[in-house]
Amino acid sequence: MPRAKAAASAGNDTAEQQIRKLWSGGARREAAEVFKAAEFSEAQSDAILADLPDLRPLISQ
């Protein structure tokens, strides 16, 4: 997905903002794709998943 790759390449902070924006706008699958494409540290991943627990099943697909 081009959106996901663009967000991931822009940096982790931007990717996290993009995930939250997509998620709050109802674009759940796109948010999951951005999450998968980004290279977050374990701490960053844990923080995002703690705030968006429904994201976990989507990234596992």
PDB file of N, CA and C in Angstrom:
ATOM      1  N   MET A   1       0.844  -1.178   0.000  1.00  0.00           N
ATOM      2  CA  MET A   1       0.000   0.000   0.000  1.00  0.00           C
ATOM      3  C   MET A   1       0.895   1.248   0.000  1.00  0.00           C
ATOM      4  N   PRO A   2       0.800   2.100  -0.998  1.00  0.00           N
ATOM      5  CA  PRO A   2       1.679   3.257  -1.113  1.00  0.00           C
ATOM      6  C   PRO A   2       1.589   4.214   0.070  1.00  0.00           C
ATOM      7  N   ARG A   3       0.422   4.415   0.610  1.00  0.00           N
ATOM      8  CA  ARG A   3       0.240   5.307   1.750  1.00  0.00           C
ATOM      9  C   ARG A   3       1.071   4.844   2.933  1.00  0.00           C
ATOM     10  N   ALA A   4       1.031   3.552   3.178  1.00  0.00           N
ATOM     11  CA  ALA A   4       1.760   2.983   4.307  1.00  0.00           C
ATOM     12  C   ALA A   4       3.260   3.175   4.142  1.00  0.00           C
ATOM     13  N   LYS A   5       3.771   2.905   2.967  1.00  0.00           N
ATOM     14  CA  LYS A   5       5.209   3.037   2.733  1.00  0.00           C
ATOM     15  C   LYS A   5       5.644   4.499   2.817  1.00  0.00           C
ATOM     16  N   ALA A   6       4.825   5.399   2.328  1.00  0.00           N
ATOM     17  CA  ALA A   6       5.159   6.822   2.394  1.00  0.00           C
ATOM     18  C   ALA A   6       5.216   7.291   3.837  1.00  0.00           C
ATOM     19  N   ALA A   7       4.267   6.882   4.633  1.00  0.00           N
ATOM     20  CA  ALA A   7       4.244   7.290   6.039  1.00  0.00           C
ATOM     21  C   ALA A   7       5.420   6.695   6.792  1.00  0.00           C
ATOM     22  N   ALA A   8       5.736   5.442   6.527  1.00  0.00           N
ATOM     23  CA  ALA A   8       6.832   4.791   7.233  1.00  0.00           C
ATOM     24  C   ALA A   8       8.168   5.428   6.881  1.00  0.00           C
ATOM     25  N   SER A   9       8.344   5.803   5.649  1.00  0.00           N
ATOM     26  CA  SER A   9       9.616   6.392   5.249  1.00  0.00           C
ATOM     27  C   SER A   9       9.793   7.811   5.781  1.00  0.00           C
ATOM     28  N   ALA A  10       8.736   8.451   6.172  1.00  0.00           N
ATOM     29  CA  ALA A  10       8.818   9.825   6.676  1.00  0.00           C
ATOM     30  C   ALA A  10       9.299   9.879   8.117  1.00  0.00           C
ATOM     31  N   GLY A  11       9.402   8.746   8.771  1.00  0.00           N
ATOM     32  CA  GLY A  11       9.897   8.708  10.147  1.00  0.00           C
ATOM     33  C   GLY A  11       8.852   8.175  11.098  1.00  0.00           C
ATOM     34  N   ASN A  12       9.331   7.696  12.235  1.00  0.00           N
ATOM     35  CA  ASN A  12       8.436   7.055  13.189  1.00  0.00           C
ATOM     36  C   ASN A  12       7.418   8.006  13.794  1.00  0.00           C
ATOM     37  N   ASP A  13       7.820   9.245  14.082  1.00  0.00           N
ATOM     38  CA  ASP A  13       6.866  10.192  14.653  1.00  0.00           C
ATOM     39  C   ASP A  13       5.745  10.477  13.668  1.00  0.00           C
ATOM     40  N   THR A  14       6.128  10.686  12.421  1.00  0.00           N
ATOM     41  CA  THR A  14       5.133  10.938  11.394  1.00  0.00           C
ATOM     42  C   THR A  14       4.264   9.705  11.185  1.00  0.00           C
ATOM     43  N   ALA A  15       4.860   8.530  11.202  1.00  0.00           N
ATOM     44  CA  ALA A  15       4.102   7.294  11.032  1.00  0.00           C
ATOM     45  C   ALA A  15       3.106   7.125  12.169  1.00  0.00           C
ATOM     46  N   GLU A  16       3.547   7.421  13.387  1.00  0.00           N
ATOM     47  CA  GLU A  16       2.630   7.300  14.519  1.00  0.00           C
ATOM     48  C   GLU A  16       1.469   8.282  14.390  1.00  0.00           C
ATOM     49  N   GLN A  17       1.754   9.500  13.971  1.00  0.00           N
ATOM     50  CA  GLN A  17       0.694  10.491  13.764  1.00  0.00           C
ATOM     51  C   GLN A  17      -0.257  10.023  12.670  1.00  0.00           C
ATOM     52  N   GLN A  18       0.288   9.454  11.611  1.00  0.00           N
ATOM     53  CA  GLN A  18      -0.537   8.963  10.502  1.00  0.00           C
ATOM     54  C   GLN A  18      -1.426   7.812  10.974  1.00  0.00           C
ATOM     55  N   ILE A  19      -0.882   6.913  11.774  1.00  0.00           N
ATOM     56  CA  ILE A  19      -1.672   5.797  12.308  1.00  0.00           C
ATOM     57  C   ILE A  19      -2.846   6.328  13.121  1.00  0.00           C
ATOM     58  N   ARG A  20      -2.568   7.262  14.007  1.00  0.00           N
ATOM     59  CA  ARG A  20      -3.621   7.816  14.865  1.00  0.00           C
ATOM     60  C   ARG A  20      -4.668   8.567  14.041  1.00  0.00           C
ATOM     61  N   LYS A  21      -4.231   9.298  13.029  1.00  0.00           N
ATOM     62  CA  LYS A  21      -5.161  10.030  12.167  1.00  0.00           C
ATOM     63  C   LYS A  21      -6.056   9.059  11.392  1.00  0.00           C
ATOM     64  N   LEU A  22      -5.448   8.055  10.789  1.00  0.00           N
ATOM     65  CA  LEU A  22      -6.224   7.059  10.045  1.00  0.00           C
ATOM     66  C   LEU A  22      -7.193   6.331  10.966  1.00  0.00           C
ATOM     67  N   TRP A  23      -6.701   5.949  12.141  1.00  0.00           N
ATOM     68  CA  TRP A  23      -7.514   5.196  13.090  1.00  0.00           C
ATOM     69  C   TRP A  23      -8.728   6.011  13.522  1.00  0.00           C
ATOM     70  N   SER A  24      -8.497   7.272  13.877  1.00  0.00           N
ATOM     71  CA  SER A  24      -9.612   8.111  14.347  1.00  0.00           C
ATOM     72  C   SER A  24     -10.584   8.427  13.221  1.00  0.00           C
ATOM     73  N   GLY A  25     -10.105   8.381  11.985  1.00  0.00           N
ATOM     74  CA  GLY A  25     -10.965   8.608  10.832  1.00  0.00           C
ATOM     75  C   GLY A  25     -11.681   7.356  10.358  1.00  0.00           C
ATOM     76  N   GLY A  26     -11.432   6.235  11.017  1.00  0.00           N
ATOM     77  CA  GLY A  26     -12.119   4.995  10.665  1.00  0.00           C
ATOM     78  C   GLY A  26     -11.393   4.132   9.642  1.00  0.00           C
ATOM     79  N   ALA A  27     -10.212   4.538   9.216  1.00  0.00           N
ATOM     80  CA  ALA A  27      -9.453   3.771   8.220  1.00  0.00           C
ATOM     81  C   ALA A  27      -8.561   2.772   8.955  1.00  0.00           C
ATOM     82  N   ARG A  28      -9.181   1.766   9.543  1.00  0.00           N
ATOM     83  CA  ARG A  28      -8.477   0.815  10.411  1.00  0.00           C
ATOM     84  C   ARG A  28      -7.447  -0.023   9.676  1.00  0.00           C
ATOM     85  N   ARG A  29      -7.798  -0.550   8.528  1.00  0.00           N
ATOM     86  CA  ARG A  29      -6.851  -1.399   7.784  1.00  0.00           C
ATOM     87  C   ARG A  29      -5.648  -0.589   7.300  1.00  0.00           C
ATOM     88  N   GLU A  30      -5.889   0.643   6.875  1.00  0.00           N
ATOM     89  CA  GLU A  30      -4.787   1.495   6.440  1.00  0.00           C
ATOM     90  C   GLU A  30      -3.863   1.806   7.609  1.00  0.00           C
ATOM     91  N   ALA A  31      -4.433   2.044   8.785  1.00  0.00           N
ATOM     92  CA  ALA A  31      -3.625   2.288   9.983  1.00  0.00           C
ATOM     93  C   ALA A  31      -2.761   1.069  10.290  1.00  0.00           C
ATOM     94  N   ALA A  32      -3.329  -0.115  10.135  1.00  0.00           N
ATOM     95  CA  ALA A  32      -2.573  -1.346  10.377  1.00  0.00           C
ATOM     96  C   ALA A  32      -1.427  -1.489   9.375  1.00  0.00           C
ATOM     97  N   GLU A  33      -1.664  -1.116   8.123  1.00  0.00           N
ATOM     98  CA  GLU A  33      -0.614  -1.204   7.101  1.00  0.00           C
ATOM     99  C   GLU A  33       0.529  -0.233   7.401  1.00  0.00           C
ATOM    100  N   VAL A  34       0.192   0.972   7.864  1.00  0.00           N
ATOM    101  CA  VAL A  34       1.231   1.935   8.231  1.00  0.00           C
ATOM    102  C   VAL A  34       2.032   1.386   9.405  1.00  0.00           C
ATOM    103  N   PHE A  35       1.338   0.812  10.386  1.00  0.00           N
ATOM    104  CA  PHE A  35       2.022   0.239  11.552  1.00  0.00           C
ATOM    105  C   PHE A  35       2.997  -0.846  11.121  1.00  0.00           C
ATOM    106  N   LYS A  36       2.546  -1.740  10.238  1.00  0.00           N
ATOM    107  CA  LYS A  36       3.398  -2.838   9.788  1.00  0.00           C
ATOM    108  C   LYS A  36       4.601  -2.343   8.989  1.00  0.00           C
ATOM    109  N   ALA A  37       4.424  -1.272   8.232  1.00  0.00           N
ATOM    110  CA  ALA A  37       5.499  -0.761   7.389  1.00  0.00           C
ATOM    111  C   ALA A  37       6.528   0.047   8.185  1.00  0.00           C
ATOM    112  N   ALA A  38       6.109   0.619   9.295  1.00  0.00           N
ATOM    113  CA  ALA A  38       7.013   1.448  10.104  1.00  0.00           C
ATOM    114  C   ALA A  38       7.953   0.564  10.918  1.00  0.00           C
ATOM    115  N   GLU A  39       9.094   1.104  11.246  1.00  0.00           N
ATOM    116  CA  GLU A  39      10.063   0.380  12.066  1.00  0.00           C
ATOM    117  C   GLU A  39      10.131   1.038  13.435  1.00  0.00           C
ATOM    118  N   PHE A  40       9.181   0.665  14.294  1.00  0.00           N
ATOM    119  CA  PHE A  40       9.111   1.214  15.642  1.00  0.00           C
ATOM    120  C   PHE A  40       9.982   0.403  16.586  1.00  0.00           C
ATOM    121  N   SER A  41      10.463   1.076  17.618  1.00  0.00           N
ATOM    122  CA  SER A  41      11.133   0.341  18.688  1.00  0.00           C
ATOM    123  C   SER A  41      10.061  -0.452  19.430  1.00  0.00           C
ATOM    124  N   GLU A  42      10.500  -1.390  20.235  1.00  0.00           N
ATOM    125  CA  GLU A  42       9.542  -2.189  20.999  1.00  0.00           C
ATOM    126  C   GLU A  42       8.710  -1.296  21.918  1.00  0.00           C
ATOM    127  N   ALA A  43       9.348  -0.303  22.528  1.00  0.00           N
ATOM    128  CA  ALA A  43       8.639   0.607  23.430  1.00  0.00           C
ATOM    129  C   ALA A  43       7.590   1.423  22.678  1.00  0.00           C
ATOM    130  N   GLN A  44       7.933   1.907  21.482  1.00  0.00           N
ATOM    131  CA  GLN A  44       6.976   2.667  20.684  1.00  0.00           C
ATOM    132  C   GLN A  44       5.805   1.786  20.261  1.00  0.00           C
ATOM    133  N   SER A  45       6.094   0.580  19.817  1.00  0.00           N
ATOM    134  CA  SER A  45       5.032  -0.349  19.421  1.00  0.00           C
ATOM    135  C   SER A  45       4.101  -0.630  20.583  1.00  0.00           C
ATOM    136  N   ASP A  46       4.683  -0.897  21.749  1.00  0.00           N
ATOM    137  CA  ASP A  46       3.874  -1.177  22.934  1.00  0.00           C
ATOM    138  C   ASP A  46       2.985   0.000  23.298  1.00  0.00           C
ATOM    139  N   ALA A  47       3.520   1.219  23.183  1.00  0.00           N
ATOM    140  CA  ALA A  47       2.735   2.411  23.524  1.00  0.00           C
ATOM    141  C   ALA A  47       1.568   2.604  22.560  1.00  0.00           C
ATOM    142  N   ILE A  48       1.827   2.414  21.277  1.00  0.00           N
ATOM    143  CA  ILE A  48       0.757   2.566  20.282  1.00  0.00           C
ATOM    144  C   ILE A  48      -0.314   1.508  20.501  1.00  0.00           C
ATOM    145  N   LEU A  49       0.106   0.271  20.707  1.00  0.00           N
ATOM    146  CA  LEU A  49      -0.853  -0.818  20.898  1.00  0.00           C
ATOM    147  C   LEU A  49      -1.607  -0.686  22.215  1.00  0.00           C
ATOM    148  N   ALA A  50      -0.998  -0.060  23.213  1.00  0.00           N
ATOM    149  CA  ALA A  50      -1.708   0.187  24.472  1.00  0.00           C
ATOM    150  C   ALA A  50      -2.819   1.209  24.257  1.00  0.00           C
ATOM    151  N   ASP A  51      -2.551   2.211  23.415  1.00  0.00           N
ATOM    152  CA  ASP A  51      -3.558   3.237  23.127  1.00  0.00           C
ATOM    153  C   ASP A  51      -4.614   2.755  22.139  1.00  0.00           C
ATOM    154  N   LEU A  52      -4.221   1.859  21.248  1.00  0.00           N
ATOM    155  CA  LEU A  52      -5.130   1.361  20.202  1.00  0.00           C
ATOM    156  C   LEU A  52      -5.164  -0.170  20.241  1.00  0.00           C
ATOM    157  N   PRO A  53      -5.735  -0.749  21.292  1.00  0.00           N
ATOM    158  CA  PRO A  53      -5.687  -2.212  21.432  1.00  0.00           C
ATOM    159  C   PRO A  53      -6.375  -2.981  20.306  1.00  0.00           C
ATOM    160  N   ASP A  54      -7.351  -2.377  19.630  1.00  0.00           N
ATOM    161  CA  ASP A  54      -8.031  -3.061  18.538  1.00  0.00           C
ATOM    162  C   ASP A  54      -7.167  -3.132  17.277  1.00  0.00           C
ATOM    163  N   LEU A  55      -6.022  -2.467  17.307  1.00  0.00           N
ATOM    164  CA  LEU A  55      -5.100  -2.517  16.177  1.00  0.00           C
ATOM    165  C   LEU A  55      -4.374  -3.856  16.111  1.00  0.00           C
ATOM    166  N   ARG A  56      -4.134  -4.459  17.249  1.00  0.00           N
ATOM    167  CA  ARG A  56      -3.345  -5.700  17.325  1.00  0.00           C
ATOM    168  C   ARG A  56      -3.892  -6.809  16.404  1.00  0.00           C
ATOM    169  N   PRO A  57      -5.185  -7.113  16.435  1.00  0.00           N
ATOM    170  CA  PRO A  57      -5.665  -8.184  15.539  1.00  0.00           C
ATOM    171  C   PRO A  57      -5.490  -7.840  14.058  1.00  0.00           C
ATOM    172  N   LEU A  58      -5.585  -6.566  13.715  1.00  0.00           N
ATOM    173  CA  LEU A  58      -5.433  -6.171  12.306  1.00  0.00           C
ATOM    174  C   LEU A  58      -3.994  -6.321  11.829  1.00  0.00           C
ATOM    175  N   ILE A  59      -3.023  -6.079  12.692  1.00  0.00           N
ATOM    176  CA  ILE A  59      -1.634  -6.230  12.263  1.00  0.00           C
ATOM    177  C   ILE A  59      -1.221  -7.687  12.235  1.00  0.00           C
ATOM    178  N   SER A  60      -1.995  -8.538  12.877  1.00  0.00           N
ATOM    179  CA  SER A  60      -1.694  -9.972  12.887  1.00  0.00           C
ATOM    180  C   SER A  60      -2.216 -10.675  11.644  1.00  0.00           C
ATOM    181  N   GLN A  61      -3.022 -10.003  10.862  1.00  0.00           N
ATOM    182  CA  GLN A  61      -3.614 -10.635   9.672  1.00  0.00           C
ATOM    183  C   GLN A  61      -2.644 -10.676   8.542  1.00  0.00           C
TER     184      GLN A  61
END
